[in-house]
Amino acid sequence: MKKLLLTILLGLAVLSSTACKHPGKEAETITSTTSENTDDISKDVYVDSYGEKIEVTINRSKNTATVHLNGKTYDLKKSDALPEYTASNEEYQYSEIKGNITFLKKNVDMVLFHLKQAKKESGPAKMASY
């Protein structure tokens, strides 16, 4: 009698434990996706003849430029209509044309930063041929 009662109780316990489980909660797993930064980003720091420093971060994947000058940050969008690398917003414009780095305030034509870089030598020196 005790074995029968024990078997019935165990059977009820098994039935009640499986009956209370919800099918959606059995295999609940949390997956987190980490996106890797695959943007083409370059960061340059320029110092002009007055000792003023400008930090320029260009994200070529998103066509944006971030300029840090005198403790302020300016977010700019690349301008395709202008030559070489030029980025601007409604008030400011940054350009990097033929070694000239210029950052200006557009509505008053005020140059905030200007640097003319020396031309970079590329490759070995050319030899004269006779």
Protein backbone atom coordinates (compact mmCIF):
# COMPACT_ATOMS: atom_id res chain seq x y z
CA MET A 1 0.00 0.00 0.00
CA LYS A 2 2.84 2.33 0.88
CA LYS A 3 4.52 1.60 -2.48
CA LEU A 4 1.32 2.37 -4.34
CA LEU A 5 0.82 5.61 -2.45
CA LEU A 6 4.47 6.55 -3.00
CA THR A 7 4.19 5.81 -6.72
CA ILE A 8 1.03 7.93 -7.04
CA LEU A 9 2.64 10.83 -5.17
CA LEU A 10 5.76 10.67 -7.33
CA GLY A 11 3.63 10.52 -10.46
CA LEU A 12 1.67 13.58 -9.33
CA ALA A 13 4.89 15.42 -8.54
CA VAL A 14 6.25 14.70 -12.01
CA LEU A 15 2.97 15.75 -13.65
CA SER A 16 2.73 18.95 -11.67
CA SER A 17 6.33 19.94 -12.39
CA THR A 18 5.91 19.43 -16.14
CA ALA A 19 2.47 21.01 -16.22
CA CYS A 20 3.70 24.25 -14.67
CA LYS A 21 6.41 24.82 -17.23
CA HIS A 22 5.60 27.16 -20.06
CA PRO A 23 7.04 26.17 -23.41
CA GLY A 24 8.31 29.69 -24.10
CA LYS A 25 10.32 29.89 -20.90
CA GLU A 26 12.18 26.59 -21.22
CA ALA A 27 14.79 27.62 -23.74
CA GLU A 28 15.00 31.30 -23.01
CA THR A 29 18.46 32.56 -23.91
CA ILE A 30 19.78 36.05 -24.05
CA THR A 31 22.15 36.89 -26.84
CA SER A 32 23.96 40.16 -26.97
CA THR A 33 25.45 41.43 -30.16
CA THR A 34 28.46 43.67 -30.11
CA SER A 35 28.94 45.70 -33.21
CA GLU A 36 32.52 46.23 -34.18
CA ASN A 37 33.52 49.70 -35.29
CA THR A 38 34.53 49.29 -38.92
CA ASP A 39 34.44 52.99 -39.78
CA ASP A 40 37.35 54.56 -41.66
CA ILE A 41 38.42 57.18 -39.10
CA SER A 42 41.51 59.40 -39.17
CA LYS A 43 42.55 61.78 -36.42
CA ASP A 44 45.05 64.60 -36.95
CA VAL A 45 46.35 67.41 -34.77
CA TYR A 46 47.68 70.55 -36.46
CA VAL A 47 49.58 73.46 -34.88
CA ASP A 48 49.85 76.77 -36.73
CA SER A 49 52.69 79.34 -36.56
CA TYR A 50 50.99 81.05 -33.58
CA GLY A 51 50.97 77.84 -31.56
CA GLU A 52 47.22 77.38 -31.90
CA LYS A 53 46.21 73.73 -32.01
CA ILE A 54 43.30 72.18 -33.92
CA GLU A 55 42.25 68.52 -33.65
CA VAL A 56 40.37 67.07 -36.61
CA THR A 57 38.68 63.66 -36.63
CA ILE A 58 37.39 62.57 -40.03
CA ASN A 59 35.00 59.64 -40.39
CA ARG A 60 35.09 58.80 -44.09
CA SER A 61 32.51 56.02 -43.67
CA LYS A 62 29.87 58.43 -42.30
CA ASN A 63 31.14 61.51 -44.23
CA THR A 64 31.52 63.55 -41.05
CA ALA A 65 34.26 65.64 -39.47
CA THR A 66 34.63 66.70 -35.85
CA VAL A 67 36.81 69.72 -35.17
CA HIS A 68 38.12 70.65 -31.69
CA LEU A 69 39.42 74.23 -31.42
CA ASN A 70 39.83 76.45 -28.36
CA GLY A 71 37.86 74.07 -26.12
CA LYS A 72 34.87 73.91 -28.48
CA THR A 73 33.68 71.03 -30.64
CA TYR A 74 32.19 71.49 -34.11
CA ASP A 75 30.35 68.68 -35.93
CA LEU A 76 30.47 69.02 -39.70
CA LYS A 77 29.17 67.08 -42.70
CA LYS A 78 31.29 66.40 -45.81
CA SER A 79 30.53 68.63 -48.77
CA ASP A 80 30.78 66.73 -52.05
CA ALA A 81 30.37 69.86 -54.18
CA LEU A 82 33.59 71.43 -52.87
CA PRO A 83 37.15 70.30 -53.78
CA GLU A 84 39.31 67.72 -51.95
CA TYR A 85 38.16 67.29 -48.32
CA THR A 86 35.73 69.98 -47.24
CA ALA A 87 33.16 69.66 -44.48
CA SER A 88 30.72 72.26 -43.19
CA ASN A 89 27.55 73.03 -41.30
CA GLU A 90 25.37 76.14 -41.37
CA GLU A 91 28.00 78.27 -39.58
CA TYR A 92 31.46 76.74 -40.03
CA GLN A 93 33.61 75.20 -42.77
CA TYR A 94 36.72 73.03 -42.58
CA SER A 95 38.83 72.38 -45.66
CA GLU A 96 42.00 70.47 -46.42
CA ILE A 97 43.02 71.55 -49.92
CA LYS A 98 46.54 71.13 -51.36
CA GLY A 99 48.12 71.11 -47.91
CA ASN A 100 46.17 74.14 -46.66
CA ILE A 101 44.19 73.44 -43.50
CA THR A 102 41.51 76.09 -43.02
CA PHE A 103 38.70 76.40 -40.50
CA LEU A 104 36.45 79.42 -40.88
CA LYS A 105 33.20 80.95 -39.76
CA LYS A 106 31.17 81.27 -42.96
CA ASN A 107 28.67 84.07 -42.28
CA VAL A 108 31.40 86.63 -41.42
CA ASP A 109 34.25 85.18 -43.53
CA MET A 110 36.46 84.95 -40.43
CA VAL A 111 39.34 82.49 -40.51
CA LEU A 112 39.59 80.76 -37.14
CA PHE A 113 42.56 78.55 -38.04
CA HIS A 114 44.90 78.35 -41.04
CA LEU A 115 47.97 76.23 -41.66
CA LYS A 116 49.95 75.79 -44.85
CA GLN A 117 51.72 72.46 -44.61
CA ALA A 118 55.04 71.79 -46.27
CA LYS A 119 54.77 69.50 -49.25
CA LYS A 120 55.44 65.89 -48.39
CA GLU A 121 58.13 64.11 -50.34
CA SER A 122 56.80 60.89 -51.80
CA GLY A 123 59.08 58.17 -52.97
CA PRO A 124 62.78 58.31 -53.86
CA ALA A 125 64.28 61.43 -55.41
CA LYS A 126 64.21 61.46 -59.20
CA MET A 127 67.52 61.35 -60.98
CA ALA A 128 68.20 63.30 -64.10
CA SER A 129 68.66 61.23 -67.21
CA TYR A 130 71.06 62.26 -69.97
